[in-house]
Amino acid sequence: MSVILSRNLSRKKVMSNDGMVIGTLRNVMVDFDTGQVVDLIVVPDPNFNVEGFRMDGERMFIPFEAVKDIKDYIVVDRYLSKK
């Protein structure tokens, strides 16, 4: 994946690879020891079923390894997202 600055990701929509809108990116979680992005912190769309996803209040955590593409949307594999 190419280099993408975090400021370019702010408020980007997150969509599953089957075309379902999951929500809006709120923040990212980074491992400061390695510098790797660990999780996307997403505010889920009101119509999205969050069952099976890691949640903390209103925030959903999607593992960065589920990210497949970043362009107009952040595309994630919905099944890899459930951990």
PDB file of N, CA and C in Angstrom:
ATOM      1  N   MET A   1       0.849  -1.163   0.000  1.00  0.00           N
ATOM      2  CA  MET A   1       0.000   0.000   0.000  1.00  0.00           C
ATOM      3  C   MET A   1       0.901   1.234   0.000  1.00  0.00           C
ATOM      4  N   SER A   2       0.506   2.258  -0.716  1.00  0.00           N
ATOM      5  CA  SER A   2       1.305   3.473  -0.809  1.00  0.00           C
ATOM      6  C   SER A   2       1.202   4.289   0.485  1.00  0.00           C
ATOM      7  N   VAL A   3       2.057   5.294   0.611  1.00  0.00           N
ATOM      8  CA  VAL A   3       2.073   6.152   1.785  1.00  0.00           C
ATOM      9  C   VAL A   3       0.877   7.105   1.729  1.00  0.00           C
ATOM     10  N   ILE A   4       0.128   7.165   2.827  1.00  0.00           N
ATOM     11  CA  ILE A   4      -1.032   8.044   2.921  1.00  0.00           C
ATOM     12  C   ILE A   4      -0.937   8.773   4.254  1.00  0.00           C
ATOM     13  N   LEU A   5      -1.024  10.085   4.232  1.00  0.00           N
ATOM     14  CA  LEU A   5      -0.956  10.869   5.456  1.00  0.00           C
ATOM     15  C   LEU A   5      -2.271  10.771   6.217  1.00  0.00           C
ATOM     16  N   SER A   6      -2.172  10.728   7.542  1.00  0.00           N
ATOM     17  CA  SER A   6      -3.376  10.558   8.363  1.00  0.00           C
ATOM     18  C   SER A   6      -4.356  11.713   8.186  1.00  0.00           C
ATOM     19  N   ARG A   7      -3.862  12.913   7.935  1.00  0.00           N
ATOM     20  CA  ARG A   7      -4.786  14.043   7.758  1.00  0.00           C
ATOM     21  C   ARG A   7      -5.662  13.865   6.516  1.00  0.00           C
ATOM     22  N   ASN A   8      -5.202  13.056   5.541  1.00  0.00           N
ATOM     23  CA  ASN A   8      -6.000  12.781   4.350  1.00  0.00           C
ATOM     24  C   ASN A   8      -7.099  11.752   4.621  1.00  0.00           C
ATOM     25  N   LEU A   9      -7.012  11.068   5.751  1.00  0.00           N
ATOM     26  CA  LEU A   9      -8.005  10.052   6.095  1.00  0.00           C
ATOM     27  C   LEU A   9      -9.150  10.607   6.933  1.00  0.00           C
ATOM     28  N   SER A  10      -8.956  11.775   7.496  1.00  0.00           N
ATOM     29  CA  SER A  10      -9.930  12.348   8.415  1.00  0.00           C
ATOM     30  C   SER A  10     -11.325  12.409   7.802  1.00  0.00           C
ATOM     31  N   ARG A  11     -12.285  11.841   8.524  1.00  0.00           N
ATOM     32  CA  ARG A  11     -13.708  11.830   8.157  1.00  0.00           C
ATOM     33  C   ARG A  11     -14.013  11.064   6.865  1.00  0.00           C
ATOM     34  N   LYS A  12     -13.124  10.189   6.449  1.00  0.00           N
ATOM     35  CA  LYS A  12     -13.376   9.373   5.265  1.00  0.00           C
ATOM     36  C   LYS A  12     -14.385   8.287   5.608  1.00  0.00           C
ATOM     37  N   LYS A  13     -15.252   7.960   4.668  1.00  0.00           N
ATOM     38  CA  LYS A  13     -16.218   6.873   4.855  1.00  0.00           C
ATOM     39  C   LYS A  13     -15.495   5.535   4.777  1.00  0.00           C
ATOM     40  N   VAL A  14     -15.932   4.601   5.614  1.00  0.00           N
ATOM     41  CA  VAL A  14     -15.402   3.243   5.623  1.00  0.00           C
ATOM     42  C   VAL A  14     -16.478   2.345   5.032  1.00  0.00           C
ATOM     43  N   MET A  15     -16.083   1.542   4.048  1.00  0.00           N
ATOM     44  CA  MET A  15     -17.031   0.689   3.332  1.00  0.00           C
ATOM     45  C   MET A  15     -16.473  -0.740   3.286  1.00  0.00           C
ATOM     46  N   SER A  16     -17.374  -1.715   3.361  1.00  0.00           N
ATOM     47  CA  SER A  16     -16.940  -3.105   3.245  1.00  0.00           C
ATOM     48  C   SER A  16     -16.692  -3.436   1.777  1.00  0.00           C
ATOM     49  N   ASN A  17     -15.952  -4.507   1.545  1.00  0.00           N
ATOM     50  CA  ASN A  17     -15.631  -4.890   0.170  1.00  0.00           C
ATOM     51  C   ASN A  17     -16.854  -5.401  -0.592  1.00  0.00           C
ATOM     52  N   ASP A  18     -17.989  -5.564   0.087  1.00  0.00           N
ATOM     53  CA  ASP A  18     -19.223  -5.927  -0.617  1.00  0.00           C
ATOM     54  C   ASP A  18     -20.155  -4.719  -0.786  1.00  0.00           C
ATOM     55  N   GLY A  19     -19.625  -3.498  -0.560  1.00  0.00           N
ATOM     56  CA  GLY A  19     -20.356  -2.277  -0.870  1.00  0.00           C
ATOM     57  C   GLY A  19     -21.205  -1.692   0.236  1.00  0.00           C
ATOM     58  N   MET A  20     -21.121  -2.230   1.445  1.00  0.00           N
ATOM     59  CA  MET A  20     -21.932  -1.732   2.554  1.00  0.00           C
ATOM     60  C   MET A  20     -21.174  -0.622   3.291  1.00  0.00           C
ATOM     61  N   VAL A  21     -21.825   0.506   3.521  1.00  0.00           N
ATOM     62  CA  VAL A  21     -21.199   1.599   4.272  1.00  0.00           C
ATOM     63  C   VAL A  21     -21.189   1.216   5.752  1.00  0.00           C
ATOM     64  N   ILE A  22     -19.984   1.173   6.329  1.00  0.00           N
ATOM     65  CA  ILE A  22     -19.815   0.798   7.734  1.00  0.00           C
ATOM     66  C   ILE A  22     -19.912   2.024   8.633  1.00  0.00           C
ATOM     67  N   GLY A  23     -19.264   3.102   8.240  1.00  0.00           N
ATOM     68  CA  GLY A  23     -19.293   4.305   9.063  1.00  0.00           C
ATOM     69  C   GLY A  23     -18.267   5.315   8.594  1.00  0.00           C
ATOM     70  N   THR A  24     -17.855   6.188   9.516  1.00  0.00           N
ATOM     71  CA  THR A  24     -16.916   7.255   9.217  1.00  0.00           C
ATOM     72  C   THR A  24     -15.695   7.121  10.113  1.00  0.00           C
ATOM     73  N   LEU A  25     -14.513   7.245   9.523  1.00  0.00           N
ATOM     74  CA  LEU A  25     -13.279   7.158  10.293  1.00  0.00           C
ATOM     75  C   LEU A  25     -13.205   8.316  11.275  1.00  0.00           C
ATOM     76  N   ARG A  26     -12.947   7.994  12.514  1.00  0.00           N
ATOM     77  CA  ARG A  26     -12.829   9.005  13.565  1.00  0.00           C
ATOM     78  C   ARG A  26     -11.362   9.238  13.944  1.00  0.00           C
ATOM     79  N   ASN A  27     -10.584   8.138  13.997  1.00  0.00           N
ATOM     80  CA  ASN A  27      -9.197   8.217  14.422  1.00  0.00           C
ATOM     81  C   ASN A  27      -8.506   6.906  14.076  1.00  0.00           C
ATOM     82  N   VAL A  28      -7.207   6.844  14.329  1.00  0.00           N
ATOM     83  CA  VAL A  28      -6.460   5.601  14.162  1.00  0.00           C
ATOM     84  C   VAL A  28      -5.712   5.319  15.454  1.00  0.00           C
ATOM     85  N   MET A  29      -5.491   4.035  15.735  1.00  0.00           N
ATOM     86  CA  MET A  29      -4.720   3.628  16.891  1.00  0.00           C
ATOM     87  C   MET A  29      -3.373   3.111  16.387  1.00  0.00           C
ATOM     88  N   VAL A  30      -2.301   3.628  16.961  1.00  0.00           N
ATOM     89  CA  VAL A  30      -0.953   3.310  16.502  1.00  0.00           C
ATOM     90  C   VAL A  30      -0.168   2.657  17.636  1.00  0.00           C
ATOM     91  N   ASP A  31       0.621   1.638  17.316  1.00  0.00           N
ATOM     92  CA  ASP A  31       1.564   1.038  18.251  1.00  0.00           C
ATOM     93  C   ASP A  31       2.810   1.912  18.223  1.00  0.00           C
ATOM     94  N   PHE A  32       3.069   2.641  19.296  1.00  0.00           N
ATOM     95  CA  PHE A  32       4.186   3.584  19.306  1.00  0.00           C
ATOM     96  C   PHE A  32       5.542   2.898  19.289  1.00  0.00           C
ATOM     97  N   ASP A  33       5.611   1.637  19.702  1.00  0.00           N
ATOM     98  CA  ASP A  33       6.884   0.913  19.659  1.00  0.00           C
ATOM     99  C   ASP A  33       7.295   0.588  18.229  1.00  0.00           C
ATOM    100  N   THR A  34       6.323   0.209  17.387  1.00  0.00           N
ATOM    101  CA  THR A  34       6.630  -0.197  16.012  1.00  0.00           C
ATOM    102  C   THR A  34       6.279   0.870  14.988  1.00  0.00           C
ATOM    103  N   GLY A  35       5.394   1.797  15.354  1.00  0.00           N
ATOM    104  CA  GLY A  35       4.937   2.813  14.403  1.00  0.00           C
ATOM    105  C   GLY A  35       3.852   2.328  13.465  1.00  0.00           C
ATOM    106  N   GLN A  36       3.366   1.125  13.682  1.00  0.00           N
ATOM    107  CA  GLN A  36       2.348   0.538  12.816  1.00  0.00           C
ATOM    108  C   GLN A  36       0.941   0.936  13.267  1.00  0.00           C
ATOM    109  N   VAL A  37       0.067   1.174  12.292  1.00  0.00           N
ATOM    110  CA  VAL A  37      -1.344   1.408  12.602  1.00  0.00           C
ATOM    111  C   VAL A  37      -1.948   0.069  13.003  1.00  0.00           C
ATOM    112  N   VAL A  38      -2.612   0.045  14.150  1.00  0.00           N
ATOM    113  CA  VAL A  38      -3.189  -1.191  14.678  1.00  0.00           C
ATOM    114  C   VAL A  38      -4.667  -1.291  14.338  1.00  0.00           C
ATOM    115  N   ASP A  39      -5.414  -0.220  14.606  1.00  0.00           N
ATOM    116  CA  ASP A  39      -6.864  -0.225  14.421  1.00  0.00           C
ATOM    117  C   ASP A  39      -7.332   1.083  13.807  1.00  0.00           C
ATOM    118  N   LEU A  40      -8.437   0.989  13.071  1.00  0.00           N
ATOM    119  CA  LEU A  40      -9.192   2.168  12.669  1.00  0.00           C
ATOM    120  C   LEU A  40     -10.284   2.349  13.708  1.00  0.00           C
ATOM    121  N   ILE A  41     -10.487   3.567  14.159  1.00  0.00           N
ATOM    122  CA  ILE A  41     -11.574   3.852  15.087  1.00  0.00           C
ATOM    123  C   ILE A  41     -12.670   4.524  14.268  1.00  0.00           C
ATOM    124  N   VAL A  42     -13.822   3.864  14.206  1.00  0.00           N
ATOM    125  CA  VAL A  42     -14.892   4.246  13.294  1.00  0.00           C
ATOM    126  C   VAL A  42     -16.166   4.544  14.081  1.00  0.00           C
ATOM    127  N   VAL A  43     -16.854   5.598  13.674  1.00  0.00           N
ATOM    128  CA  VAL A  43     -18.201   5.862  14.181  1.00  0.00           C
ATOM    129  C   VAL A  43     -19.144   5.142  13.214  1.00  0.00           C
ATOM    130  N   PRO A  44     -19.823   4.079  13.680  1.00  0.00           N
ATOM    131  CA  PRO A  44     -20.652   3.294  12.765  1.00  0.00           C
ATOM    132  C   PRO A  44     -21.856   4.058  12.234  1.00  0.00           C
ATOM    133  N   ASP A  45     -22.201   3.750  10.991  1.00  0.00           N
ATOM    134  CA  ASP A  45     -23.409   4.286  10.364  1.00  0.00           C
ATOM    135  C   ASP A  45     -24.616   3.759  11.150  1.00  0.00           C
ATOM    136  N   PRO A  46     -25.642   4.583  11.363  1.00  0.00           N
ATOM    137  CA  PRO A  46     -26.816   4.135  12.129  1.00  0.00           C
ATOM    138  C   PRO A  46     -27.493   2.892  11.545  1.00  0.00           C
ATOM    139  N   ASN A  47     -27.374   2.671  10.246  1.00  0.00           N
ATOM    140  CA  ASN A  47     -28.017   1.515   9.605  1.00  0.00           C
ATOM    141  C   ASN A  47     -27.145   0.273   9.583  1.00  0.00           C
ATOM    142  N   PHE A  48     -25.911   0.367  10.103  1.00  0.00           N
ATOM    143  CA  PHE A  48     -24.990  -0.769  10.057  1.00  0.00           C
ATOM    144  C   PHE A  48     -25.140  -1.614  11.315  1.00  0.00           C
ATOM    145  N   ASN A  49     -25.242  -2.929  11.142  1.00  0.00           N
ATOM    146  CA  ASN A  49     -25.348  -3.866  12.259  1.00  0.00           C
ATOM    147  C   ASN A  49     -23.948  -4.104  12.828  1.00  0.00           C
ATOM    148  N   VAL A  50     -23.691  -3.649  14.039  1.00  0.00           N
ATOM    149  CA  VAL A  50     -22.363  -3.728  14.643  1.00  0.00           C
ATOM    150  C   VAL A  50     -22.122  -5.045  15.377  1.00  0.00           C
ATOM    151  N   GLU A  51     -23.077  -5.959  15.336  1.00  0.00           N
ATOM    152  CA  GLU A  51     -22.933  -7.241  16.019  1.00  0.00           C
ATOM    153  C   GLU A  51     -21.693  -7.983  15.519  1.00  0.00           C
ATOM    154  N   GLY A  52     -20.861  -8.430  16.455  1.00  0.00           N
ATOM    155  CA  GLY A  52     -19.661  -9.179  16.116  1.00  0.00           C
ATOM    156  C   GLY A  52     -18.418  -8.311  15.969  1.00  0.00           C
ATOM    157  N   PHE A  53     -18.577  -6.995  16.023  1.00  0.00           N
ATOM    158  CA  PHE A  53     -17.445  -6.079  15.915  1.00  0.00           C
ATOM    159  C   PHE A  53     -17.003  -5.641  17.311  1.00  0.00           C
ATOM    160  N   ARG A  54     -15.714  -5.306  17.442  1.00  0.00           N
ATOM    161  CA  ARG A  54     -15.217  -4.778  18.717  1.00  0.00           C
ATOM    162  C   ARG A  54     -15.743  -3.362  18.887  1.00  0.00           C
ATOM    163  N   MET A  55     -16.416  -3.138  19.989  1.00  0.00           N
ATOM    164  CA  MET A  55     -17.018  -1.834  20.254  1.00  0.00           C
ATOM    165  C   MET A  55     -16.554  -1.327  21.614  1.00  0.00           C
ATOM    166  N   ASP A  56     -16.496  -0.002  21.729  1.00  0.00           N
ATOM    167  CA  ASP A  56     -16.260   0.673  22.995  1.00  0.00           C
ATOM    168  C   ASP A  56     -17.175   1.886  22.999  1.00  0.00           C
ATOM    169  N   GLY A  57     -18.339   1.728  23.600  1.00  0.00           N
ATOM    170  CA  GLY A  57     -19.341   2.791  23.561  1.00  0.00           C
ATOM    171  C   GLY A  57     -19.831   2.981  22.140  1.00  0.00           C
ATOM    172  N   GLU A  58     -19.654   4.179  21.605  1.00  0.00           N
ATOM    173  CA  GLU A  58     -20.096   4.507  20.246  1.00  0.00           C
ATOM    174  C   GLU A  58     -19.013   4.265  19.198  1.00  0.00           C
ATOM    175  N   ARG A  59     -17.853   3.801  19.630  1.00  0.00           N
ATOM    176  CA  ARG A  59     -16.729   3.612  18.705  1.00  0.00           C
ATOM    177  C   ARG A  59     -16.549   2.150  18.339  1.00  0.00           C
ATOM    178  N   MET A  60     -16.273   1.901  17.074  1.00  0.00           N
ATOM    179  CA  MET A  60     -16.007   0.564  16.561  1.00  0.00           C
ATOM    180  C   MET A  60     -14.529   0.490  16.198  1.00  0.00           C
ATOM    181  N   PHE A  61     -13.885  -0.624  16.533  1.00  0.00           N
ATOM    182  CA  PHE A  61     -12.480  -0.819  16.212  1.00  0.00           C
ATOM    183  C   PHE A  61     -12.357  -1.842  15.090  1.00  0.00           C
ATOM    184  N   ILE A  62     -11.725  -1.440  13.995  1.00  0.00           N
ATOM    185  CA  ILE A  62     -11.508  -2.330  12.853  1.00  0.00           C
ATOM    186  C   ILE A  62     -10.007  -2.537  12.707  1.00  0.00           C
ATOM    187  N   PRO A  63      -9.534  -3.787  12.755  1.00  0.00           N
ATOM    188  CA  PRO A  63      -8.095  -4.030  12.621  1.00  0.00           C
ATOM    189  C   PRO A  63      -7.574  -3.510  11.278  1.00  0.00           C
ATOM    190  N   PHE A  64      -6.414  -2.884  11.315  1.00  0.00           N
ATOM    191  CA  PHE A  64      -5.858  -2.312  10.092  1.00  0.00           C
ATOM    192  C   PHE A  64      -5.577  -3.385   9.045  1.00  0.00           C
ATOM    193  N   GLU A  65      -5.338  -4.602   9.477  1.00  0.00           N
ATOM    194  CA  GLU A  65      -5.079  -5.688   8.520  1.00  0.00           C
ATOM    195  C   GLU A  65      -6.290  -5.979   7.634  1.00  0.00           C
ATOM    196  N   ALA A  66      -7.472  -5.494   8.020  1.00  0.00           N
ATOM    197  CA  ALA A  66      -8.676  -5.696   7.211  1.00  0.00           C
ATOM    198  C   ALA A  66      -8.771  -4.697   6.055  1.00  0.00           C
ATOM    199  N   VAL A  67      -7.942  -3.637   6.083  1.00  0.00           N
ATOM    200  CA  VAL A  67      -7.993  -2.610   5.039  1.00  0.00           C
ATOM    201  C   VAL A  67      -7.480  -3.187   3.723  1.00  0.00           C
ATOM    202  N   LYS A  68      -8.291  -3.032   2.682  1.00  0.00           N
ATOM    203  CA  LYS A  68      -7.940  -3.530   1.352  1.00  0.00           C
ATOM    204  C   LYS A  68      -7.540  -2.418   0.398  1.00  0.00           C
ATOM    205  N   ASP A  69      -8.128  -1.220   0.566  1.00  0.00           N
ATOM    206  CA  ASP A  69      -7.847  -0.117  -0.358  1.00  0.00           C
ATOM    207  C   ASP A  69      -8.234   1.196   0.310  1.00  0.00           C
ATOM    208  N   ILE A  70      -7.519   2.248  -0.053  1.00  0.00           N
ATOM    209  CA  ILE A  70      -7.858   3.588   0.432  1.00  0.00           C
ATOM    210  C   ILE A  70      -7.828   4.526  -0.761  1.00  0.00           C
ATOM    211  N   LYS A  71      -8.995   4.999  -1.134  1.00  0.00           N
ATOM    212  CA  LYS A  71      -9.119   6.000  -2.203  1.00  0.00           C
ATOM    213  C   LYS A  71     -10.218   6.961  -1.773  1.00  0.00           C
ATOM    214  N   ASP A  72     -11.337   6.991  -2.483  1.00  0.00           N
ATOM    215  CA  ASP A  72     -12.466   7.821  -2.059  1.00  0.00           C
ATOM    216  C   ASP A  72     -13.064   7.292  -0.757  1.00  0.00           C
ATOM    217  N   TYR A  73     -13.034   5.985  -0.587  1.00  0.00           N
ATOM    218  CA  TYR A  73     -13.483   5.300   0.618  1.00  0.00           C
ATOM    219  C   TYR A  73     -12.324   4.479   1.160  1.00  0.00           C
ATOM    220  N   ILE A  74     -12.419   4.138   2.445  1.00  0.00           N
ATOM    221  CA  ILE A  74     -11.520   3.139   3.011  1.00  0.00           C
ATOM    222  C   ILE A  74     -12.267   1.823   2.890  1.00  0.00           C
ATOM    223  N   VAL A  75     -11.772   0.931   2.082  1.00  0.00           N
ATOM    224  CA  VAL A  75     -12.442  -0.350   1.841  1.00  0.00           C
ATOM    225  C   VAL A  75     -11.809  -1.409   2.743  1.00  0.00           C
ATOM    226  N   VAL A  76     -12.660  -2.092   3.503  1.00  0.00           N
ATOM    227  CA  VAL A  76     -12.187  -3.137   4.406  1.00  0.00           C
ATOM    228  C   VAL A  76     -12.905  -4.448   4.117  1.00  0.00           C
ATOM    229  N   ASP A  77     -12.233  -5.538   4.425  1.00  0.00           N
ATOM    230  CA  ASP A  77     -12.847  -6.864   4.335  1.00  0.00           C
ATOM    231  C   ASP A  77     -13.718  -7.020   5.582  1.00  0.00           C
ATOM    232  N   ARG A  78     -15.020  -7.106   5.406  1.00  0.00           N
ATOM    233  CA  ARG A  78     -15.950  -7.129   6.533  1.00  0.00           C
ATOM    234  C   ARG A  78     -15.713  -8.329   7.445  1.00  0.00           C
ATOM    235  N   TYR A  79     -15.277  -9.452   6.890  1.00  0.00           N
ATOM    236  CA  TYR A  79     -15.090 -10.640   7.706  1.00  0.00           C
ATOM    237  C   TYR A  79     -13.788 -10.599   8.485  1.00  0.00           C
ATOM    238  N   LEU A  80     -12.751  -9.971   7.921  1.00  0.00           N
ATOM    239  CA  LEU A  80     -11.503  -9.771   8.677  1.00  0.00           C
ATOM    240  C   LEU A  80     -11.687  -8.712   9.757  1.00  0.00           C
ATOM    241  N   SER A  81     -12.691  -7.867   9.592  1.00  0.00           N
ATOM    242  CA  SER A  81     -12.946  -6.785  10.546  1.00  0.00           C
ATOM    243  C   SER A  81     -13.498  -7.304  11.870  1.00  0.00           C
ATOM    244  N   LYS A  82     -14.095  -8.487  11.848  1.00  0.00           N
ATOM    245  CA  LYS A  82     -14.696  -9.046  13.055  1.00  0.00           C
ATOM    246  C   LYS A  82     -13.674  -9.890  13.781  1.00  0.00           C
ATOM    247  N   LYS A  83     -13.035  -9.301  14.768  1.00  0.00           N
ATOM    248  CA  LYS A  83     -12.049 -10.032  15.561  1.00  0.00           C
ATOM    249  C   LYS A  83     -12.273  -9.798  17.012  1.00  0.00           C
TER     250      LYS A  83
END
